[in-house]
Protein backbone atom coordinates (compact mmCIF):
# COMPACT_ATOMS: atom_id res chain seq x y z
CA MET A 1 107.52 102.56 80.13
CA PRO A 2 111.34 102.21 80.49
CA GLY A 3 112.98 104.90 82.59
CA ARG A 4 109.69 106.33 83.87
CA TRP A 5 108.15 104.94 87.05
CA ARG A 6 105.05 106.11 88.92
CA TRP A 7 103.58 104.42 91.96
CA GLN A 8 100.92 105.48 94.41
CA PRO A 9 101.97 105.33 98.09
CA ASP A 10 100.06 103.09 100.48
CA MET A 11 99.84 105.45 103.40
CA HIS A 12 97.83 105.92 106.53
CA PRO A 13 94.37 107.32 105.54
CA ALA A 14 95.05 110.71 107.15
CA ARG A 15 98.40 111.07 105.42
CA LYS A 16 96.90 109.89 102.14
CA LEU A 17 94.16 112.50 102.36
CA LEU A 18 96.70 115.25 103.07
CA SER A 19 98.91 114.09 100.23
CA LEU A 20 95.95 114.25 97.85
CA LEU A 21 95.25 117.75 99.08
CA PHE A 22 98.74 119.14 98.65
CA LEU A 23 100.22 117.17 95.76
CA ILE A 24 100.32 119.24 92.57
CA LEU A 25 100.57 116.74 89.74
CA MET A 26 103.35 117.39 87.25
CA GLY A 27 102.21 115.16 84.37
CA THR A 28 101.96 116.30 80.77
CA GLU A 29 98.45 116.98 79.48
CA LEU A 30 97.71 117.25 75.77
CA THR A 31 95.37 119.93 74.48
CA GLN A 32 94.29 120.72 70.96
CA VAL A 33 93.06 123.97 69.49
CA LEU A 34 90.77 123.18 66.55
CA PRO A 35 90.05 125.94 64.02
CA THR A 36 86.53 126.63 62.87
CA ASN A 37 87.76 126.61 59.29
CA PRO A 38 91.02 124.60 58.94
CA GLU A 39 91.80 126.07 55.54
CA GLU A 40 91.75 129.66 56.77
CA SER A 41 93.09 129.34 60.34
CA TRP A 42 96.25 128.44 62.13
CA GLN A 43 96.11 124.98 63.75
CA VAL A 44 98.00 124.79 67.05
CA TYR A 45 98.67 121.41 68.69
CA SER A 46 100.12 122.17 72.14
CA SER A 47 101.55 120.13 75.02
CA ALA A 48 101.79 121.91 78.40
CA GLN A 49 105.20 120.48 79.29
CA ASP A 50 107.80 118.12 77.91
CA SER A 51 109.89 115.81 80.15
CA GLU A 52 112.16 118.72 81.10
CA GLY A 53 109.36 121.14 81.96
CA ARG A 54 109.45 123.20 78.71
CA CYS A 55 106.26 124.23 76.92
CA ILE A 56 106.16 122.79 73.37
CA CYS A 57 103.75 122.95 70.47
CA THR A 58 103.30 122.26 66.75
CA VAL A 59 101.82 124.95 64.48
CA VAL A 60 100.31 124.04 61.10
CA ALA A 61 100.04 126.98 58.69
CA PRO A 62 96.86 127.63 56.65
CA GLN A 63 96.75 126.78 52.98
CA GLN A 64 96.20 130.35 51.82
CA THR A 65 98.61 133.21 52.46
CA MET A 66 97.65 135.43 55.39
CA CYS A 67 99.00 138.98 55.56
CA SER A 68 102.57 137.94 54.87
CA ARG A 69 103.46 140.94 52.80
CA ASP A 70 105.39 142.99 55.35
CA ALA A 71 107.72 142.10 58.23
CA ARG A 72 105.55 143.81 60.87
CA THR A 73 102.61 141.52 60.04
CA LYS A 74 104.86 138.48 60.33
CA GLN A 75 106.14 139.64 63.73
CA LEU A 76 102.60 140.17 64.98
CA ARG A 77 101.56 136.75 63.75
CA GLN A 78 104.50 135.21 65.63
CA LEU A 79 103.44 137.09 68.75
CA LEU A 80 99.92 135.75 68.39
CA GLU A 81 101.21 132.20 68.05
CA LYS A 82 103.33 132.63 71.19
CA VAL A 83 100.37 133.90 73.20
CA GLN A 84 98.17 131.09 71.90
CA ASN A 85 100.77 128.53 72.99
CA MET A 86 100.99 130.13 76.44
CA SER A 87 97.20 130.11 76.63
CA GLN A 88 97.18 126.36 76.20
CA SER A 89 99.73 125.93 79.01
CA ILE A 90 97.76 128.25 81.25
CA GLU A 91 94.58 126.32 80.45
CA VAL A 92 96.23 123.08 81.60
CA LEU A 93 97.58 124.79 84.74
CA ASP A 94 94.12 126.21 85.42
CA ARG A 95 92.49 122.79 85.18
CA ARG A 96 95.06 121.33 87.57
CA THR A 97 94.61 124.14 90.06
CA GLN A 98 90.81 123.99 89.90
CA ARG A 99 90.91 120.25 90.47
CA ASP A 100 93.22 120.64 93.48
CA LEU A 101 91.06 123.50 94.75
CA GLN A 102 88.12 121.09 94.85
CA TYR A 103 90.22 118.89 97.15
CA VAL A 104 90.89 121.95 99.31
CA GLU A 105 87.21 122.84 99.60
CA LYS A 106 86.30 119.23 100.34
CA MET A 107 88.98 119.10 103.00
CA GLU A 108 87.72 122.34 104.54
CA ASN A 109 84.23 120.86 104.93
CA GLN A 110 85.69 117.73 106.51
CA MET A 111 87.73 119.82 108.92
CA LYS A 112 84.69 121.86 109.91
CA GLY A 113 82.72 118.68 110.48
CA LEU A 114 85.55 117.22 112.49
CA GLU A 115 85.79 120.40 114.57
CA SER A 116 82.06 120.15 115.36
CA LYS A 117 82.37 116.50 116.25
CA PHE A 118 85.36 117.23 118.43
CA LYS A 119 83.43 119.85 120.39
CA GLN A 120 80.57 117.41 120.92
CA VAL A 121 82.92 114.74 122.15
CA GLU A 122 84.76 117.24 124.33
CA GLU A 123 81.50 118.32 126.00
CA SER A 124 80.47 114.79 126.80
CA HIS A 125 83.78 112.95 126.82
CA LYS A 126 82.87 111.19 130.03
CA GLN A 127 80.28 109.24 128.06
CA HIS A 128 82.76 108.14 125.42
CA LEU A 129 85.73 105.90 125.47
CA ALA A 130 89.01 107.69 126.20
CA ARG A 131 90.56 106.07 123.13
CA GLN A 132 88.02 107.65 120.77
CA PHE A 133 88.44 111.05 122.37
CA LYS A 134 92.24 110.97 122.05
CA ALA A 135 92.08 109.87 118.41
CA ILE A 136 89.83 112.75 117.42
CA LYS A 137 91.88 115.25 119.40
CA ALA A 138 95.09 114.05 117.74
CA LYS A 139 93.49 114.42 114.32
CA MET A 140 92.45 118.00 115.07
CA ASP A 141 95.92 118.87 116.33
CA GLU A 142 97.29 117.54 113.07
CA LEU A 143 94.87 119.42 110.82
CA ARG A 144 94.56 122.76 112.63
CA PRO A 145 97.96 124.18 111.46
CA LEU A 146 96.99 123.46 107.85
CA ILE A 147 94.14 125.97 107.75
CA PRO A 148 96.41 128.92 106.76
CA VAL A 149 97.95 126.77 104.03
CA LEU A 150 94.50 126.06 102.59
CA GLU A 151 93.84 129.80 102.39
CA GLU A 152 97.10 130.30 100.49
CA TYR A 153 96.12 127.56 98.08
CA LYS A 154 92.86 129.38 97.29
CA ALA A 155 94.92 132.46 96.44
CA ASP A 156 96.99 130.38 94.01
CA ALA A 157 93.83 129.45 92.09
CA LYS A 158 93.03 133.15 91.69
CA LEU A 159 96.54 133.79 90.41
CA VAL A 160 96.20 131.16 87.69
CA LEU A 161 92.85 132.70 86.69
CA GLN A 162 94.59 136.08 86.38
CA PHE A 163 97.19 134.54 84.03
CA LYS A 164 94.37 133.09 81.95
CA GLU A 165 92.58 136.45 81.64
CA GLU A 166 95.78 138.27 80.66
CA ALA A 167 96.50 135.75 77.90
CA GLN A 168 92.94 136.06 76.58
CA ASN A 169 93.22 139.87 76.51
CA LEU A 170 96.51 139.74 74.63
CA THR A 171 95.09 137.25 72.15
CA SER A 172 92.14 139.54 71.48
CA VAL A 173 94.38 142.58 70.91
CA LEU A 174 96.70 140.68 68.57
CA ASN A 175 93.75 139.35 66.57
CA GLU A 176 92.53 142.90 66.05
CA LEU A 177 96.03 143.96 65.06
CA GLN A 178 96.10 141.41 62.27
CA GLU A 179 93.11 143.20 60.79
CA GLU A 180 94.30 146.77 61.44
CA ILE A 181 98.09 147.12 61.40
CA GLY A 182 99.35 150.10 63.38
CA ALA A 183 96.49 150.42 65.84
CA TYR A 184 98.78 149.54 68.77
CA ASP A 185 102.45 149.90 69.59
CA TYR A 186 104.28 146.72 68.67
CA ASP A 187 107.11 147.14 71.21
CA GLU A 188 104.63 147.53 74.06
CA LEU A 189 102.83 144.36 73.03
CA GLN A 190 106.13 142.50 72.76
CA SER A 191 106.95 143.59 76.32
CA ARG A 192 103.57 142.42 77.61
CA VAL A 193 103.94 139.03 75.95
CA SER A 194 107.48 138.58 77.28
CA ASN A 195 106.39 139.52 80.80
CA LEU A 196 103.54 137.02 80.77
CA GLU A 197 105.79 134.32 79.32
CA GLU A 198 108.40 134.90 82.03
CA ARG A 199 105.83 134.75 84.82
CA LEU A 200 104.32 131.56 83.40
CA ARG A 201 107.76 129.96 83.14
CA ALA A 202 108.47 130.86 86.77
CA CYS A 203 105.15 129.30 87.78
CA MET A 204 105.95 126.08 85.91
CA GLN A 205 109.43 125.91 87.47
CA LYS A 206 108.02 126.21 90.97
CA LEU A 207 105.60 123.38 90.24
CA ALA A 208 108.58 121.17 89.34
CA CYS A 209 110.15 121.41 92.80
CA GLY A 210 108.81 120.97 96.28
CA LYS A 211 109.07 119.63 99.80
CA LEU A 212 109.15 115.89 100.37
CA THR A 213 105.91 114.75 102.02
CA GLY A 214 105.76 111.03 101.29
CA ILE A 215 107.60 107.96 99.99
CA SER A 216 105.78 105.09 98.32
CA ASP A 217 106.11 101.39 98.95
CA PRO A 218 109.20 99.92 97.24
CA VAL A 219 109.21 98.30 93.82
CA THR A 220 111.84 95.59 93.47
CA VAL A 221 113.34 95.96 90.00
CA LYS A 222 115.95 93.22 90.24
CA THR A 223 117.76 90.93 92.68
CA SER A 224 121.47 90.73 91.91
CA GLY A 225 124.97 91.39 93.16
CA SER A 226 126.37 91.49 96.68
CA ARG A 227 124.93 93.02 99.81
CA PHE A 228 126.29 96.48 98.92
CA GLY A 229 126.35 98.47 95.69
CA SER A 230 124.81 101.26 93.64
CA TRP A 231 122.74 101.60 90.49
CA MET A 232 121.31 104.59 88.65
CA THR A 233 120.10 106.23 85.45
CA ALA A 234 121.40 109.56 84.15
CA PRO A 235 119.17 112.54 85.12
CA LEU A 236 120.34 114.62 82.13
CA ALA A 237 120.01 111.83 79.57
CA PRO A 238 118.10 112.89 76.40
CA GLU A 239 114.67 111.48 75.63
CA GLY A 240 114.99 107.86 74.61
CA ASP A 241 118.26 107.28 76.48
CA ASN A 242 117.20 104.91 79.26
CA ARG A 243 120.55 103.32 80.07
CA VAL A 244 121.11 101.83 83.51
CA TRP A 245 124.46 101.93 85.32
CA TYR A 246 125.36 99.24 87.84
CA MET A 247 128.28 99.12 90.32
CA ASP A 248 128.54 96.09 92.62
CA GLY A 249 130.33 96.46 95.98
CA TYR A 250 131.80 99.44 97.81
CA HIS A 251 135.57 98.94 97.27
CA ASN A 252 138.18 96.88 95.38
CA ASN A 253 136.14 97.08 92.18
CA ARG A 254 136.52 99.26 89.12
CA PHE A 255 134.07 97.72 86.60
CA VAL A 256 130.85 99.59 85.76
CA ARG A 257 128.08 97.79 83.89
CA GLU A 258 126.03 99.66 81.29
CA TYR A 259 122.62 98.24 80.32
CA LYS A 260 120.84 99.63 77.24
CA SER A 261 117.51 100.11 79.01
CA MET A 262 115.60 99.39 82.19
CA VAL A 263 113.93 96.45 80.44
CA ASP A 264 117.33 94.96 79.57
CA PHE A 265 118.48 95.48 83.15
CA MET A 266 115.41 93.74 84.53
CA ASN A 267 115.28 90.79 82.14
CA THR A 268 118.78 90.08 80.79
CA ASP A 269 122.46 89.98 81.63
CA ASN A 270 123.45 91.76 78.42
CA PHE A 271 125.65 94.71 79.32
CA THR A 272 128.75 96.67 78.33
CA SER A 273 131.55 96.86 80.87
CA HIS A 274 133.59 100.03 81.56
CA ARG A 275 136.86 99.78 83.47
CA LEU A 276 137.59 102.74 85.72
CA PRO A 277 141.21 103.89 86.17
CA HIS A 278 140.91 103.48 89.96
CA PRO A 279 138.65 101.48 92.30
CA TRP A 280 135.83 103.45 93.84
CA SER A 281 135.04 104.03 97.50
CA GLY A 282 131.56 103.66 98.99
CA THR A 283 128.29 103.66 97.05
CA GLY A 284 127.92 107.39 96.38
CA GLN A 285 128.64 107.44 92.64
CA VAL A 286 126.53 109.35 90.10
CA VAL A 287 126.25 109.44 86.31
CA TYR A 288 125.77 113.02 85.15
CA ASN A 289 126.24 114.86 81.86
CA GLY A 290 127.95 111.92 80.13
CA SER A 291 130.42 111.23 82.94
CA ILE A 292 130.57 109.11 86.04
CA TYR A 293 131.66 110.90 89.22
CA PHE A 294 133.19 108.77 91.99
CA ASN A 295 135.37 108.93 95.09
CA LYS A 296 138.76 107.28 94.57
CA PHE A 297 139.32 104.48 97.08
CA GLN A 298 141.15 105.45 100.29
CA SER A 299 141.30 109.16 99.41
CA HIS A 300 139.24 112.36 99.39
CA ILE A 301 139.79 112.70 95.62
CA ILE A 302 136.77 113.02 93.32
CA ILE A 303 137.19 111.84 89.73
CA ARG A 304 135.12 112.77 86.69
CA PHE A 305 135.43 109.95 84.14
CA ASP A 306 134.01 110.29 80.61
CA LEU A 307 132.06 107.14 79.78
CA LYS A 308 132.25 107.63 75.99
CA THR A 309 136.00 108.23 75.64
CA GLU A 310 136.85 106.29 78.83
CA THR A 311 139.27 108.98 79.95
CA ILE A 312 139.63 111.06 83.12
CA LEU A 313 138.35 114.58 82.51
CA LYS A 314 139.05 116.02 85.95
CA THR A 315 140.27 115.10 89.43
CA ARG A 316 140.08 117.27 92.54
CA SER A 317 140.53 116.81 96.28
CA LEU A 318 137.56 117.58 98.50
CA ASP A 319 139.33 119.68 101.13
CA TYR A 320 139.20 118.41 104.72
CA ALA A 321 136.72 115.64 103.85
CA GLY A 322 137.09 112.51 105.97
CA TYR A 323 137.82 109.27 104.10
CA ASN A 324 138.78 105.61 104.57
CA ASN A 325 135.92 104.97 107.01
CA MET A 326 136.64 108.06 109.11
CA TYR A 327 133.14 109.56 108.73
CA HIS A 328 131.01 106.89 107.06
CA TYR A 329 127.25 106.37 107.20
CA ALA A 330 126.00 104.14 110.01
CA TRP A 331 126.30 101.02 107.82
CA GLY A 332 130.05 101.58 107.18
CA GLY A 333 131.35 100.55 103.77
CA HIS A 334 133.80 103.45 103.14
CA SER A 335 130.74 105.66 102.62
CA ASP A 336 132.57 108.82 103.74
CA ILE A 337 131.87 110.84 100.56
CA ASP A 338 128.45 110.66 98.91
CA LEU A 339 127.94 112.36 95.54
CA MET A 340 124.39 113.37 94.54
CA VAL A 341 122.44 115.13 91.79
CA ASP A 342 119.20 117.09 92.09
CA GLU A 343 117.33 119.66 89.99
CA SER A 344 120.08 122.26 90.49
CA GLY A 345 123.19 120.17 89.86
CA LEU A 346 126.00 118.19 91.49
CA TRP A 347 126.49 117.89 95.28
CA ALA A 348 128.87 116.22 97.73
CA VAL A 349 127.86 115.11 101.24
CA TYR A 350 130.65 114.29 103.69
CA ALA A 351 132.03 115.25 107.13
CA THR A 352 135.12 117.04 108.42
CA ASN A 353 137.11 117.36 111.64
CA GLN A 354 136.47 121.10 111.47
CA ASN A 355 132.72 120.42 111.71
CA ALA A 356 133.17 117.85 114.51
CA GLY A 357 132.23 114.92 112.27
CA ASN A 358 128.86 116.42 111.41
CA ILE A 359 127.50 116.38 107.88
CA VAL A 360 128.83 118.97 105.43
CA VAL A 361 127.00 119.73 102.15
CA SER A 362 128.86 121.26 99.18
CA ARG A 363 127.58 122.19 95.74
CA LEU A 364 130.16 121.39 93.06
CA ASP A 365 130.86 122.67 89.56
CA PRO A 366 130.26 119.56 87.39
CA VAL A 367 133.07 120.53 84.96
CA SER A 368 135.88 121.76 87.22
CA LEU A 369 134.73 119.99 90.42
CA GLN A 370 135.40 123.21 92.31
CA THR A 371 133.33 123.80 95.43
CA LEU A 372 130.79 126.55 94.74
CA GLN A 373 129.21 126.79 98.18
CA THR A 374 129.31 124.85 101.46
CA TRP A 375 126.89 124.38 104.37
CA ASN A 376 127.82 122.90 107.78
CA THR A 377 125.01 120.99 109.50
CA SER A 378 124.79 119.78 113.08
CA TYR A 379 123.84 116.18 112.22
CA PRO A 380 126.52 113.52 113.00
CA LYS A 381 127.32 111.66 109.80
CA ARG A 382 128.02 108.35 111.55
CA SER A 383 124.45 108.47 112.94
CA ALA A 384 122.91 108.83 109.48
CA GLY A 385 121.63 105.72 107.73
CA GLU A 386 121.68 107.30 104.25
CA ALA A 387 120.99 110.71 102.69
CA PHE A 388 119.71 112.26 99.46
CA ILE A 389 118.99 115.75 98.10
CA ILE A 390 115.74 117.01 96.50
CA CYS A 391 115.40 120.62 95.32
CA GLY A 392 118.38 121.76 97.40
CA THR A 393 117.17 120.12 100.62
CA LEU A 394 119.23 117.38 102.24
CA TYR A 395 117.13 114.53 103.68
CA VAL A 396 118.69 112.10 106.18
CA THR A 397 117.37 108.73 107.34
CA ASN A 398 117.56 107.56 110.93
CA GLY A 399 119.10 104.20 110.08
CA TYR A 400 119.73 101.56 107.43
CA SER A 401 118.13 98.43 108.91
CA GLY A 402 114.76 97.58 110.43
CA GLY A 403 112.21 100.37 110.75
CA THR A 404 113.50 103.30 108.70
CA LYS A 405 112.27 106.85 108.21
CA VAL A 406 113.45 110.21 106.92
CA HIS A 407 113.69 112.32 110.06
CA TYR A 408 116.06 115.25 109.33
CA ALA A 409 115.93 117.89 106.59
CA TYR A 410 118.42 120.70 105.95
CA GLN A 411 117.30 123.47 103.56
CA THR A 412 120.38 124.94 101.83
CA ASN A 413 118.39 127.85 100.39
CA ALA A 414 117.66 129.10 103.92
CA SER A 415 120.47 127.42 105.92
CA THR A 416 117.86 126.00 108.30
CA TYR A 417 116.92 122.51 109.44
CA GLU A 418 113.96 120.64 110.90
CA TYR A 419 113.19 117.20 112.26
CA ILE A 420 110.53 115.39 110.26
CA ASP A 421 108.84 111.98 110.25
CA ILE A 422 108.44 110.37 106.81
CA PRO A 423 108.45 106.56 107.13
CA PHE A 424 109.23 104.25 104.26
CA GLN A 425 109.45 100.50 103.93
CA ASN A 426 112.91 98.94 104.35
CA LYS A 427 111.87 95.74 102.64
CA TYR A 428 115.15 93.82 102.78
CA SER A 429 116.54 95.31 106.01
CA HIS A 430 119.87 96.74 104.82
CA ILE A 431 120.00 99.92 102.71
CA SER A 432 123.52 100.76 101.48
CA MET A 433 122.57 103.30 98.79
CA LEU A 434 119.70 105.79 98.50
CA ASP A 435 119.76 108.49 95.80
CA TYR A 436 117.19 110.77 94.16
CA ASN A 437 116.83 111.06 90.38
CA PRO A 438 115.15 114.37 89.41
CA LYS A 439 114.29 113.11 85.91
CA ASP A 440 112.33 110.11 87.17
CA ARG A 441 111.26 111.81 90.44
CA ALA A 442 112.17 108.59 92.21
CA LEU A 443 114.55 107.24 94.83
CA TYR A 444 116.98 104.54 93.69
CA ALA A 445 118.06 102.16 96.47
CA TRP A 446 120.34 99.15 96.90
CA ASN A 447 118.88 97.00 99.67
CA ASN A 448 120.73 93.82 100.61
CA GLY A 449 121.36 92.68 97.04
CA HIS A 450 118.06 94.05 95.68
CA GLN A 451 117.72 97.03 93.35
CA ILE A 452 114.72 99.08 94.51
CA LEU A 453 112.70 102.10 93.35
CA TYR A 454 110.55 104.40 95.50
CA ASN A 455 108.17 107.04 94.17
CA VAL A 456 108.19 110.37 96.05
CA THR A 457 105.45 112.91 96.78
CA LEU A 458 106.48 116.58 96.64
CA PHE A 459 104.45 119.58 97.75
CA HIS A 460 104.85 123.29 97.04
CA VAL A 461 102.45 126.20 97.55
CA ILE A 462 102.93 128.93 94.92
CA ARG A 463 102.51 132.29 96.62
CA SER A 464 101.78 135.39 94.60
CA ASP A 465 104.79 137.22 96.07
CA GLU A 466 107.08 134.53 94.60
CA LEU A 467 106.12 135.41 91.02
């Protein structure tokens, strides 16, 4: 399916098991509410989420008129429809949570069995090979800190069940109201429905974001261009818009290729060419909200260029940002300023003298290009292979060639950092571009003249105090 890519990571068995445990799948599930008598009932065809995370449904009215004589009845009927739609979404969420809870319980049993085995080996380790003993001990050390997380996950299942019960209660009350108008206060019911809807929306939003826990094996989409470059799709593109944007090289070029779809990009050389008013610098360009954002060559100026009218909409200097290979990524290539997009908007990653050449992260207004907020990290930009942002967290790789892994994460929501170890395959040994697309939930990479896609695994535990 063009523009949508899903791959399963080929990981170490232990990591694969943990990923299965913690991954909350985000896919759309279709449910159908069938009336007992189609001619006398409302038929609701509901989908839990569309591609942007919104709950959608189709309601087919009955053939005969149902209590449509006064406005209050109509309002109550609309309330009932809203609750029924939410019920379908909650039902899907409940099935997901119950399924993942089964993984949790299975994992608990395995951990208990492993704990017992570990004790047996520990008691008689002299009779076993040292290699076996160390392997089991390492596994226990890895799993032991996850026990509290498993308990939290059980609590999440109870929370979803509570949502389900509240929706069922509201549905029952509204059904009775359709028979006896005036039995309950309409404003109170409206408040209850709105509250439940808001909580459900918050739950769905939290499922859409998470912490990076794994990167799949690469999928080579195409082999083309020079050793360096960038390619992307637009994360805010409407459904059906699967255009691909392609920019070969990291300087002395100002031509952007537009392919109609991922299929066209993969199989043909049919494209439309856009000429930028200035050559770009580095490989940190992004297409966002109908415009391409790029760093003007040999400057710290960011340009927003409208791709439809082919005019400059805004230019702005990124104050104090190094440029012209002052603070590039480890691979060089005038990669001083890297523009990125995640679920929350537009970002710039760069370095300054004021921050001793360490990485600086700024969130930008996509219209005015003004800096909204800035975070100074302690990670030297010249030591970073590449970087990308997911859900407000900056992830940095340890290099661009050979064995590569994501080993540093900076959380902007808490202004904290941690060192991590998420390996991924550097198939062609020279990554010059690595960016996350929140629409596809994938990493786009340019690797030594190859255009690559990686699927990502995200994890988030929904705690009751977050709702």
